């Protein structure tokens, strides 16, 4: 479920479901159950992905997944030092 708060979106996940690996052939969303390490998503404009990816690569931070959702929105996933799943996604992912 998700809640819109102004221009922000708060996503609430069932950790039992988000801990399951993606099925073969499905969208490559990494597991991100909220027991222990959590998941945060930051809004990013399409034109800014290259710069963010370059900054992550310069710091030796691996991109776990980089793909477009069925509605055309792009997401990238990576981990922070504590192991949290971080995402940058276009706002159109949530219809914004």
PDB file of N, CA and C in Angstrom:
ATOM      1  N   UNK A   1       0.850  -1.157   0.000  1.00  0.00           N
ATOM      2  CA  UNK A   1       0.000   0.000   0.000  1.00  0.00           C
ATOM      3  C   UNK A   1       0.894   1.218   0.000  1.00  0.00           C
ATOM      4  N   UNK A   2       0.368   2.340  -0.438  1.00  0.00           N
ATOM      5  CA  UNK A   2       1.152   3.567  -0.402  1.00  0.00           C
ATOM      6  C   UNK A   2       0.263   4.726  -0.012  1.00  0.00           C
ATOM      7  N   UNK A   3       0.912   5.730   0.568  1.00  0.00           N
ATOM      8  CA  UNK A   3       0.242   6.954   0.971  1.00  0.00           C
ATOM      9  C   UNK A   3       0.944   8.116   0.289  1.00  0.00           C
ATOM     10  N   UNK A   4       0.157   9.036  -0.254  1.00  0.00           N
ATOM     11  CA  UNK A   4       0.726  10.261  -0.805  1.00  0.00           C
ATOM     12  C   UNK A   4       0.673  11.319   0.285  1.00  0.00           C
ATOM     13  N   UNK A   5       1.775  12.004   0.454  1.00  0.00           N
ATOM     14  CA  UNK A   5       1.870  13.093   1.428  1.00  0.00           C
ATOM     15  C   UNK A   5       2.472  14.283   0.693  1.00  0.00           C
ATOM     16  N   UNK A   6       1.628  15.124   0.143  1.00  0.00           N
ATOM     17  CA  UNK A   6       2.121  16.213  -0.695  1.00  0.00           C
ATOM     18  C   UNK A   6       2.770  15.631  -1.930  1.00  0.00           C
ATOM     19  N   UNK A   7       4.033  15.962  -2.159  1.00  0.00           N
ATOM     20  CA  UNK A   7       4.734  15.412  -3.315  1.00  0.00           C
ATOM     21  C   UNK A   7       5.508  14.145  -2.969  1.00  0.00           C
ATOM     22  N   UNK A   8       5.399  13.679  -1.717  1.00  0.00           N
ATOM     23  CA  UNK A   8       6.109  12.471  -1.285  1.00  0.00           C
ATOM     24  C   UNK A   8       5.170  11.264  -1.282  1.00  0.00           C
ATOM     25  N   UNK A   9       5.766  10.074  -1.332  1.00  0.00           N
ATOM     26  CA  UNK A   9       5.009   8.826  -1.276  1.00  0.00           C
ATOM     27  C   UNK A   9       5.649   7.934  -0.218  1.00  0.00           C
ATOM     28  N   UNK A  10       4.829   7.388   0.679  1.00  0.00           N
ATOM     29  CA  UNK A  10       5.300   6.435   1.677  1.00  0.00           C
ATOM     30  C   UNK A  10       4.769   5.061   1.283  1.00  0.00           C
ATOM     31  N   UNK A  11       5.679   4.122   1.030  1.00  0.00           N
ATOM     32  CA  UNK A  11       5.304   2.760   0.649  1.00  0.00           C
ATOM     33  C   UNK A  11       5.339   1.871   1.888  1.00  0.00           C
ATOM     34  N   UNK A  12       4.321   1.054   2.077  1.00  0.00           N
ATOM     35  CA  UNK A  12       4.247   0.101   3.178  1.00  0.00           C
ATOM     36  C   UNK A  12       4.230  -1.296   2.571  1.00  0.00           C
ATOM     37  N   UNK A  13       5.229  -2.112   2.935  1.00  0.00           N
ATOM     38  CA  UNK A  13       5.363  -3.450   2.377  1.00  0.00           C
ATOM     39  C   UNK A  13       5.056  -4.515   3.411  1.00  0.00           C
ATOM     40  N   UNK A  14       4.551  -5.645   2.957  1.00  0.00           N
ATOM     41  CA  UNK A  14       4.433  -6.841   3.790  1.00  0.00           C
ATOM     42  C   UNK A  14       5.804  -7.504   3.723  1.00  0.00           C
ATOM     43  N   UNK A  15       6.595  -7.499   4.836  1.00  0.00           N
ATOM     44  CA  UNK A  15       7.958  -8.017   4.762  1.00  0.00           C
ATOM     45  C   UNK A  15       8.025  -9.483   4.357  1.00  0.00           C
ATOM     46  N   UNK A  16       7.020 -10.265   4.712  1.00  0.00           N
ATOM     47  CA  UNK A  16       7.035 -11.681   4.322  1.00  0.00           C
ATOM     48  C   UNK A  16       7.001 -11.830   2.802  1.00  0.00           C
ATOM     49  N   UNK A  17       6.336 -10.908   2.118  1.00  0.00           N
ATOM     50  CA  UNK A  17       6.254 -10.970   0.656  1.00  0.00           C
ATOM     51  C   UNK A  17       7.483 -10.364  -0.011  1.00  0.00           C
ATOM     52  N   UNK A  18       7.983  -9.259   0.526  1.00  0.00           N
ATOM     53  CA  UNK A  18       9.106  -8.594  -0.136  1.00  0.00           C
ATOM     54  C   UNK A  18      10.441  -9.267   0.156  1.00  0.00           C
ATOM     55  N   UNK A  19      10.456 -10.253   1.043  1.00  0.00           N
ATOM     56  CA  UNK A  19      11.681 -11.025   1.293  1.00  0.00           C
ATOM     57  C   UNK A  19      11.843 -12.155   0.275  1.00  0.00           C
ATOM     58  N   UNK A  20      10.786 -12.440  -0.471  1.00  0.00           N
ATOM     59  CA  UNK A  20      10.843 -13.506  -1.470  1.00  0.00           C
ATOM     60  C   UNK A  20      11.584 -13.021  -2.710  1.00  0.00           C
ATOM     61  N   UNK A  21      12.504 -13.812  -3.245  1.00  0.00           N
ATOM     62  CA  UNK A  21      13.185 -13.406  -4.480  1.00  0.00           C
ATOM     63  C   UNK A  21      12.190 -13.299  -5.642  1.00  0.00           C
ATOM     64  N   UNK A  22      12.519 -12.451  -6.595  1.00  0.00           N
ATOM     65  CA  UNK A  22      11.660 -12.291  -7.770  1.00  0.00           C
ATOM     66  C   UNK A  22      11.601 -13.606  -8.547  1.00  0.00           C
ATOM     67  N   UNK A  23      10.431 -13.934  -9.038  1.00  0.00           N
ATOM     68  CA  UNK A  23      10.248 -15.146  -9.833  1.00  0.00           C
ATOM     69  C   UNK A  23      10.940 -14.972 -11.185  1.00  0.00           C
ATOM     70  N   UNK A  24      11.436 -16.044 -11.769  1.00  0.00           N
ATOM     71  CA  UNK A  24      12.062 -15.941 -13.090  1.00  0.00           C
ATOM     72  C   UNK A  24      11.102 -15.277 -14.093  1.00  0.00           C
ATOM     73  N   UNK A  25      11.616 -14.332 -14.855  1.00  0.00           N
ATOM     74  CA  UNK A  25      10.803 -13.655 -15.858  1.00  0.00           C
ATOM     75  C   UNK A  25      10.003 -12.475 -15.335  1.00  0.00           C
ATOM     76  N   UNK A  26      10.029 -12.229 -14.007  1.00  0.00           N
ATOM     77  CA  UNK A  26       9.284 -11.090 -13.468  1.00  0.00           C
ATOM     78  C   UNK A  26      10.181  -9.864 -13.407  1.00  0.00           C
ATOM     79  N   UNK A  27       9.641  -8.755 -12.931  1.00  0.00           N
ATOM     80  CA  UNK A  27      10.443  -7.544 -12.789  1.00  0.00           C
ATOM     81  C   UNK A  27      11.580  -7.810 -11.803  1.00  0.00           C
ATOM     82  N   UNK A  28      12.783  -7.327 -12.078  1.00  0.00           N
ATOM     83  CA  UNK A  28      13.946  -7.649 -11.245  1.00  0.00           C
ATOM     84  C   UNK A  28      14.083  -6.778  -9.999  1.00  0.00           C
ATOM     85  N   UNK A  29      13.021  -6.679  -9.204  1.00  0.00           N
ATOM     86  CA  UNK A  29      13.067  -5.899  -7.971  1.00  0.00           C
ATOM     87  C   UNK A  29      13.777  -6.715  -6.901  1.00  0.00           C
ATOM     88  N   UNK A  30      14.889  -6.191  -6.329  1.00  0.00           N
ATOM     89  CA  UNK A  30      15.583  -6.943  -5.282  1.00  0.00           C
ATOM     90  C   UNK A  30      14.716  -7.089  -4.036  1.00  0.00           C
ATOM     91  N   UNK A  31      14.985  -8.115  -3.242  1.00  0.00           N
ATOM     92  CA  UNK A  31      14.257  -8.284  -1.990  1.00  0.00           C
ATOM     93  C   UNK A  31      14.525  -7.077  -1.097  1.00  0.00           C
ATOM     94  N   UNK A  32      13.507  -6.673  -0.340  1.00  0.00           N
ATOM     95  CA  UNK A  32      13.684  -5.546   0.568  1.00  0.00           C
ATOM     96  C   UNK A  32      12.676  -5.586   1.712  1.00  0.00           C
ATOM     97  N   UNK A  33      12.602  -6.738   2.385  1.00  0.00           N
ATOM     98  CA  UNK A  33      11.740  -6.869   3.559  1.00  0.00           C
ATOM     99  C   UNK A  33      12.166  -5.906   4.643  1.00  0.00           C
ATOM    100  N   UNK A  34      11.250  -5.478   5.478  1.00  0.00           N
ATOM    101  CA  UNK A  34      11.529  -4.455   6.478  1.00  0.00           C
ATOM    102  C   UNK A  34      11.951  -5.016   7.829  1.00  0.00           C
ATOM    103  N   UNK A  35      12.335  -6.259   7.901  1.00  0.00           N
ATOM    104  CA  UNK A  35      12.918  -6.789   9.127  1.00  0.00           C
ATOM    105  C   UNK A  35      14.404  -6.523   9.047  1.00  0.00           C
ATOM    106  N   UNK A  36      14.931  -5.720   9.932  1.00  0.00           N
ATOM    107  CA  UNK A  36      16.339  -5.355   9.815  1.00  0.00           C
ATOM    108  C   UNK A  36      16.485  -4.274   8.775  1.00  0.00           C
ATOM    109  N   UNK A  37      17.269  -4.543   7.741  1.00  0.00           N
ATOM    110  CA  UNK A  37      17.488  -3.537   6.698  1.00  0.00           C
ATOM    111  C   UNK A  37      16.173  -3.145   6.034  1.00  0.00           C
ATOM    112  N   UNK A  38      16.003  -1.869   5.762  1.00  0.00           N
ATOM    113  CA  UNK A  38      14.770  -1.380   5.156  1.00  0.00           C
ATOM    114  C   UNK A  38      14.967  -0.967   3.710  1.00  0.00           C
ATOM    115  N   UNK A  39      13.975  -0.265   3.181  1.00  0.00           N
ATOM    116  CA  UNK A  39      13.980   0.174   1.792  1.00  0.00           C
ATOM    117  C   UNK A  39      13.498   1.616   1.744  1.00  0.00           C
ATOM    118  N   UNK A  40      14.209   2.441   1.011  1.00  0.00           N
ATOM    119  CA  UNK A  40      13.832   3.834   0.803  1.00  0.00           C
ATOM    120  C   UNK A  40      13.953   4.125  -0.684  1.00  0.00           C
ATOM    121  N   UNK A  41      13.007   4.902  -1.190  1.00  0.00           N
ATOM    122  CA  UNK A  41      13.038   5.281  -2.600  1.00  0.00           C
ATOM    123  C   UNK A  41      13.088   6.796  -2.708  1.00  0.00           C
ATOM    124  N   UNK A  42      13.984   7.287  -3.565  1.00  0.00           N
ATOM    125  CA  UNK A  42      14.126   8.709  -3.823  1.00  0.00           C
ATOM    126  C   UNK A  42      13.646   9.019  -5.226  1.00  0.00           C
ATOM    127  N   UNK A  43      12.897  10.113  -5.347  1.00  0.00           N
ATOM    128  CA  UNK A  43      12.411  10.561  -6.651  1.00  0.00           C
ATOM    129  C   UNK A  43      13.579  11.111  -7.459  1.00  0.00           C
ATOM    130  N   UNK A  44      13.629  10.727  -8.721  1.00  0.00           N
ATOM    131  CA  UNK A  44      14.712  11.174  -9.600  1.00  0.00           C
ATOM    132  C   UNK A  44      14.135  11.445 -10.980  1.00  0.00           C
ATOM    133  N   UNK A  45      14.567  12.522 -11.598  1.00  0.00           N
ATOM    134  CA  UNK A  45      14.140  12.830 -12.964  1.00  0.00           C
ATOM    135  C   UNK A  45      14.922  11.958 -13.942  1.00  0.00           C
ATOM    136  N   UNK A  46      14.314  11.584 -15.039  1.00  0.00           N
ATOM    137  CA  UNK A  46      14.929  10.714 -16.047  1.00  0.00           C
ATOM    138  C   UNK A  46      16.313  11.230 -16.477  1.00  0.00           C
ATOM    139  N   UNK A  47      16.432  12.531 -16.658  1.00  0.00           N
ATOM    140  CA  UNK A  47      17.696  13.100 -17.118  1.00  0.00           C
ATOM    141  C   UNK A  47      18.812  13.041 -16.074  1.00  0.00           C
ATOM    142  N   UNK A  48      18.491  12.724 -14.822  1.00  0.00           N
ATOM    143  CA  UNK A  48      19.487  12.719 -13.751  1.00  0.00           C
ATOM    144  C   UNK A  48      20.061  11.335 -13.449  1.00  0.00           C
ATOM    145  N   UNK A  49      19.524  10.291 -14.068  1.00  0.00           N
ATOM    146  CA  UNK A  49      19.999   8.933 -13.766  1.00  0.00           C
ATOM    147  C   UNK A  49      21.483   8.759 -14.083  1.00  0.00           C
ATOM    148  N   UNK A  50      21.929   9.238 -15.226  1.00  0.00           N
ATOM    149  CA  UNK A  50      23.332   9.047 -15.619  1.00  0.00           C
ATOM    150  C   UNK A  50      24.286   9.650 -14.595  1.00  0.00           C
ATOM    151  N   UNK A  51      23.988  10.839 -14.113  1.00  0.00           N
ATOM    152  CA  UNK A  51      24.860  11.501 -13.139  1.00  0.00           C
ATOM    153  C   UNK A  51      24.873  10.743 -11.815  1.00  0.00           C
ATOM    154  N   UNK A  52      23.716  10.283 -11.361  1.00  0.00           N
ATOM    155  CA  UNK A  52      23.649   9.545 -10.095  1.00  0.00           C
ATOM    156  C   UNK A  52      24.403   8.222 -10.225  1.00  0.00           C
ATOM    157  N   UNK A  53      24.197   7.521 -11.328  1.00  0.00           N
ATOM    158  CA  UNK A  53      24.898   6.248 -11.541  1.00  0.00           C
ATOM    159  C   UNK A  53      26.407   6.478 -11.580  1.00  0.00           C
ATOM    160  N   UNK A  54      26.844   7.537 -12.225  1.00  0.00           N
ATOM    161  CA  UNK A  54      28.278   7.845 -12.276  1.00  0.00           C
ATOM    162  C   UNK A  54      28.830   8.111 -10.875  1.00  0.00           C
ATOM    163  N   UNK A  55      28.063   8.819 -10.048  1.00  0.00           N
ATOM    164  CA  UNK A  55      28.496   9.097  -8.672  1.00  0.00           C
ATOM    165  C   UNK A  55      28.593   7.803  -7.863  1.00  0.00           C
ATOM    166  N   UNK A  56      27.629   6.913  -8.021  1.00  0.00           N
ATOM    167  CA  UNK A  56      27.656   5.637  -7.303  1.00  0.00           C
ATOM    168  C   UNK A  56      28.850   4.802  -7.760  1.00  0.00           C
ATOM    169  N   UNK A  57      29.053   4.721  -9.066  1.00  0.00           N
ATOM    170  CA  UNK A  57      30.180   3.940  -9.592  1.00  0.00           C
ATOM    171  C   UNK A  57      31.518   4.503  -9.128  1.00  0.00           C
ATOM    172  N   UNK A  58      31.637   5.829  -9.047  1.00  0.00           N
ATOM    173  CA  UNK A  58      32.876   6.456  -8.584  1.00  0.00           C
ATOM    174  C   UNK A  58      33.184   6.091  -7.137  1.00  0.00           C
ATOM    175  N   UNK A  59      32.140   5.722  -6.387  1.00  0.00           N
ATOM    176  CA  UNK A  59      32.300   5.336  -4.983  1.00  0.00           C
ATOM    177  C   UNK A  59      32.263   3.814  -4.794  1.00  0.00           C
ATOM    178  N   UNK A  60      32.358   3.099  -5.919  1.00  0.00           N
ATOM    179  CA  UNK A  60      32.335   1.627  -5.910  1.00  0.00           C
ATOM    180  C   UNK A  60      31.074   1.060  -5.267  1.00  0.00           C
ATOM    181  N   UNK A  61      29.947   1.715  -5.509  1.00  0.00           N
ATOM    182  CA  UNK A  61      28.650   1.230  -5.022  1.00  0.00           C
ATOM    183  C   UNK A  61      27.967   0.523  -6.188  1.00  0.00           C
ATOM    184  N   UNK A  62      27.720  -0.758  -6.020  1.00  0.00           N
ATOM    185  CA  UNK A  62      27.147  -1.572  -7.096  1.00  0.00           C
ATOM    186  C   UNK A  62      25.662  -1.268  -7.298  1.00  0.00           C
ATOM    187  N   UNK A  63      25.264  -1.197  -8.557  1.00  0.00           N
ATOM    188  CA  UNK A  63      23.847  -1.104  -8.915  1.00  0.00           C
ATOM    189  C   UNK A  63      23.325  -2.537  -8.957  1.00  0.00           C
ATOM    190  N   UNK A  64      22.344  -2.850  -8.096  1.00  0.00           N
ATOM    191  CA  UNK A  64      21.779  -4.210  -8.065  1.00  0.00           C
ATOM    192  C   UNK A  64      20.816  -4.448  -9.212  1.00  0.00           C
ATOM    193  N   UNK A  65      20.096  -3.391  -9.600  1.00  0.00           N
ATOM    194  CA  UNK A  65      19.107  -3.539 -10.655  1.00  0.00           C
ATOM    195  C   UNK A  65      18.852  -2.168 -11.282  1.00  0.00           C
ATOM    196  N   UNK A  66      18.650  -2.148 -12.583  1.00  0.00           N
ATOM    197  CA  UNK A  66      18.363  -0.935 -13.340  1.00  0.00           C
ATOM    198  C   UNK A  66      17.376  -1.346 -14.424  1.00  0.00           C
ATOM    199  N   UNK A  67      16.134  -0.902 -14.301  1.00  0.00           N
ATOM    200  CA  UNK A  67      15.122  -1.349 -15.263  1.00  0.00           C
ATOM    201  C   UNK A  67      13.980  -0.349 -15.369  1.00  0.00           C
ATOM    202  N   UNK A  68      13.138  -0.564 -16.369  1.00  0.00           N
ATOM    203  CA  UNK A  68      11.930   0.231 -16.560  1.00  0.00           C
ATOM    204  C   UNK A  68      10.719  -0.613 -16.197  1.00  0.00           C
ATOM    205  N   UNK A  69       9.835  -0.021 -15.421  1.00  0.00           N
ATOM    206  CA  UNK A  69       8.583  -0.670 -15.024  1.00  0.00           C
ATOM    207  C   UNK A  69       7.643  -0.713 -16.229  1.00  0.00           C
ATOM    208  N   UNK A  70       6.566  -1.500 -16.150  1.00  0.00           N
ATOM    209  CA  UNK A  70       5.619  -1.562 -17.282  1.00  0.00           C
ATOM    210  C   UNK A  70       5.053  -0.205 -17.701  1.00  0.00           C
ATOM    211  N   UNK A  71       4.957   0.753 -16.758  1.00  0.00           N
ATOM    212  CA  UNK A  71       4.437   2.072 -17.142  1.00  0.00           C
ATOM    213  C   UNK A  71       5.527   2.987 -17.704  1.00  0.00           C
ATOM    214  N   UNK A  72       6.771   2.457 -17.871  1.00  0.00           N
ATOM    215  CA  UNK A  72       7.860   3.215 -18.457  1.00  0.00           C
ATOM    216  C   UNK A  72       8.757   3.933 -17.463  1.00  0.00           C
ATOM    217  N   UNK A  73       8.398   3.933 -16.180  1.00  0.00           N
ATOM    218  CA  UNK A  73       9.229   4.589 -15.165  1.00  0.00           C
ATOM    219  C   UNK A  73      10.502   3.778 -14.933  1.00  0.00           C
ATOM    220  N   UNK A  74      11.610   4.466 -14.775  1.00  0.00           N
ATOM    221  CA  UNK A  74      12.891   3.808 -14.542  1.00  0.00           C
ATOM    222  C   UNK A  74      13.207   3.776 -13.046  1.00  0.00           C
ATOM    223  N   UNK A  75      13.800   2.681 -12.593  1.00  0.00           N
ATOM    224  CA  UNK A  75      14.269   2.535 -11.208  1.00  0.00           C
ATOM    225  C   UNK A  75      15.680   1.971 -11.211  1.00  0.00           C
ATOM    226  N   UNK A  76      16.488   2.432 -10.257  1.00  0.00           N
ATOM    227  CA  UNK A  76      17.762   1.774  -9.969  1.00  0.00           C
ATOM    228  C   UNK A  76      17.765   1.410  -8.490  1.00  0.00           C
ATOM    229  N   UNK A  77      18.405   0.305  -8.162  1.00  0.00           N
ATOM    230  CA  UNK A  77      18.504  -0.174  -6.781  1.00  0.00           C
ATOM    231  C   UNK A  77      19.972  -0.372  -6.422  1.00  0.00           C
ATOM    232  N   UNK A  78      20.324  -0.013  -5.193  1.00  0.00           N
ATOM    233  CA  UNK A  78      21.672  -0.209  -4.667  1.00  0.00           C
ATOM    234  C   UNK A  78      21.556  -0.293  -3.146  1.00  0.00           C
ATOM    235  N   UNK A  79      22.658  -0.542  -2.450  1.00  0.00           N
ATOM    236  CA  UNK A  79      22.650  -0.702  -0.989  1.00  0.00           C
ATOM    237  C   UNK A  79      23.466   0.390  -0.314  1.00  0.00           C
ATOM    238  N   UNK A  80      22.997   0.812   0.862  1.00  0.00           N
ATOM    239  CA  UNK A  80      23.803   1.718   1.677  1.00  0.00           C
ATOM    240  C   UNK A  80      24.737   0.881   2.550  1.00  0.00           C
ATOM    241  N   UNK A  81      25.667   1.516   3.288  1.00  0.00           N
ATOM    242  CA  UNK A  81      26.620   0.741   4.086  1.00  0.00           C
ATOM    243  C   UNK A  81      25.978  -0.181   5.129  1.00  0.00           C
ATOM    244  N   UNK A  82      24.747   0.131   5.564  1.00  0.00           N
ATOM    245  CA  UNK A  82      24.054  -0.711   6.548  1.00  0.00           C
ATOM    246  C   UNK A  82      23.293  -1.855   5.888  1.00  0.00           C
ATOM    247  N   UNK A  83      23.315  -1.928   4.562  1.00  0.00           N
ATOM    248  CA  UNK A  83      22.625  -3.002   3.860  1.00  0.00           C
ATOM    249  C   UNK A  83      21.201  -2.678   3.451  1.00  0.00           C
ATOM    250  N   UNK A  84      20.743  -1.444   3.697  1.00  0.00           N
ATOM    251  CA  UNK A  84      19.399  -1.065   3.284  1.00  0.00           C
ATOM    252  C   UNK A  84      19.315  -0.989   1.766  1.00  0.00           C
ATOM    253  N   UNK A  85      18.172  -1.381   1.223  1.00  0.00           N
ATOM    254  CA  UNK A  85      17.919  -1.297  -0.210  1.00  0.00           C
ATOM    255  C   UNK A  85      17.472   0.123  -0.533  1.00  0.00           C
ATOM    256  N   UNK A  86      18.258   0.824  -1.349  1.00  0.00           N
ATOM    257  CA  UNK A  86      17.923   2.177  -1.766  1.00  0.00           C
ATOM    258  C   UNK A  86      17.528   2.155  -3.238  1.00  0.00           C
ATOM    259  N   UNK A  87      16.556   2.966  -3.555  1.00  0.00           N
ATOM    260  CA  UNK A  87      16.038   3.025  -4.920  1.00  0.00           C
ATOM    261  C   UNK A  87      15.947   4.479  -5.343  1.00  0.00           C
ATOM    262  N   UNK A  88      16.219   4.744  -6.593  1.00  0.00           N
ATOM    263  CA  UNK A  88      15.906   6.020  -7.217  1.00  0.00           C
ATOM    264  C   UNK A  88      14.941   5.688  -8.341  1.00  0.00           C
ATOM    265  N   UNK A  89      13.819   6.407  -8.384  1.00  0.00           N
ATOM    266  CA  UNK A  89      12.787   6.106  -9.378  1.00  0.00           C
ATOM    267  C   UNK A  89      12.145   7.392  -9.880  1.00  0.00           C
ATOM    268  N   UNK A  90      11.656   7.316 -11.089  1.00  0.00           N
ATOM    269  CA  UNK A  90      10.899   8.436 -11.644  1.00  0.00           C
ATOM    270  C   UNK A  90       9.535   8.509 -10.967  1.00  0.00           C
ATOM    271  N   UNK A  91       9.044   9.716 -10.779  1.00  0.00           N
ATOM    272  CA  UNK A  91       7.760   9.938 -10.110  1.00  0.00           C
ATOM    273  C   UNK A  91       6.593   9.273 -10.835  1.00  0.00           C
ATOM    274  N   UNK A  92       6.712   9.083 -12.146  1.00  0.00           N
ATOM    275  CA  UNK A  92       5.595   8.475 -12.861  1.00  0.00           C
ATOM    276  C   UNK A  92       5.368   7.025 -12.443  1.00  0.00           C
ATOM    277  N   UNK A  93       6.318   6.444 -11.686  1.00  0.00           N
ATOM    278  CA  UNK A  93       6.107   5.101 -11.134  1.00  0.00           C
ATOM    279  C   UNK A  93       4.833   5.087 -10.289  1.00  0.00           C
ATOM    280  N   UNK A  94       4.552   6.178  -9.579  1.00  0.00           N
ATOM    281  CA  UNK A  94       3.390   6.272  -8.700  1.00  0.00           C
ATOM    282  C   UNK A  94       2.288   7.132  -9.303  1.00  0.00           C
ATOM    283  N   UNK A  95       2.404   7.462 -10.581  1.00  0.00           N
ATOM    284  CA  UNK A  95       1.389   8.265 -11.235  1.00  0.00           C
ATOM    285  C   UNK A  95       1.491   9.747 -10.897  1.00  0.00           C
ATOM    286  N   UNK A  96       2.673  10.183 -10.478  1.00  0.00           N
ATOM    287  CA  UNK A  96       2.855  11.617 -10.135  1.00  0.00           C
ATOM    288  C   UNK A  96       3.430  12.371 -11.310  1.00  0.00           C
TER     289      UNK A  96
END
